[in-house]
């Protein structure tokens, strides 16, 4: 089941891999028998953010479009990405075509190791968008997994929902399975939970740590974070002199990776979306 909002008047899409690509707009005729259309609230946001909220492209891509003179607000070209916009009241157009809210799309991707979580990479490396269909509307990653990490990654064109998922104050649990190059013991788990200072001088800790299984030379441990920093787990283990062999995110709140194949993606079911929203409200 594809979980998205009601179809909008226009659905826009930017090329995933190039912020400078042309933008195409698919027009859907308004149903005259049902003139009521969903409207955004009229609170003011910056023009670049408005384009992102409408699901056209990322905020940085929107800023490029605005500065290049391709965006009109109520018929007038605006060059300042921070120009205030009243969503649901003001008219916004790109290349002469009106922009209205896109279908809301919520995807789960099993990110493979070796690709980067970004829309475009200046070094030409493969990005998470290489795993997605070219026919999808524009979506953005919800948070990040570094190049060497793998597992559950959410993508969406609902920027406000994405912000709630990643906000530290939500304390939404994220679970990782980590293979390390030592035999883990209780002392290691206690150090991770009690916290330590990294070589950069930052104090980090994990919410929970446990042992999954052990081999002759390495172990799999499970780590839960509620407020993750950049390379949080890797930097903690590095401070302890422990090599990370694999790092896989297996769950975000009530949502689990399950048996989804590496590099595959699927839309969230309505039930999964509702469960995540409930977890956000309860946190």
Foldseek 3Di string as FASTA:
>chain_A
DWDWDPADQKFKADFQADLPGDIDIDGDDDDPVDNDDDWDAFDKFFQLVLCLQLQHEHSVSSLVQLCVQQKDKQRHRHNDRRPIGGTRPIWMDGNRHTGGRHIKGKKKAFADAQAFQDSYDPVPGHHLCVLDDRPDGDWHWLDTDGRGATAIIMIISNVVVSCLLQPLVLLWKWKKKWKWQAFDDPVVQVDQAVWDAFPVRDTAHFPGKAWDDDDPGMGIMMTIHSHDDVCRPVRSCVRVVMGIPYMYTADTHVDGRPPADHSHMDTDDPVRVVNVVVSSVVD
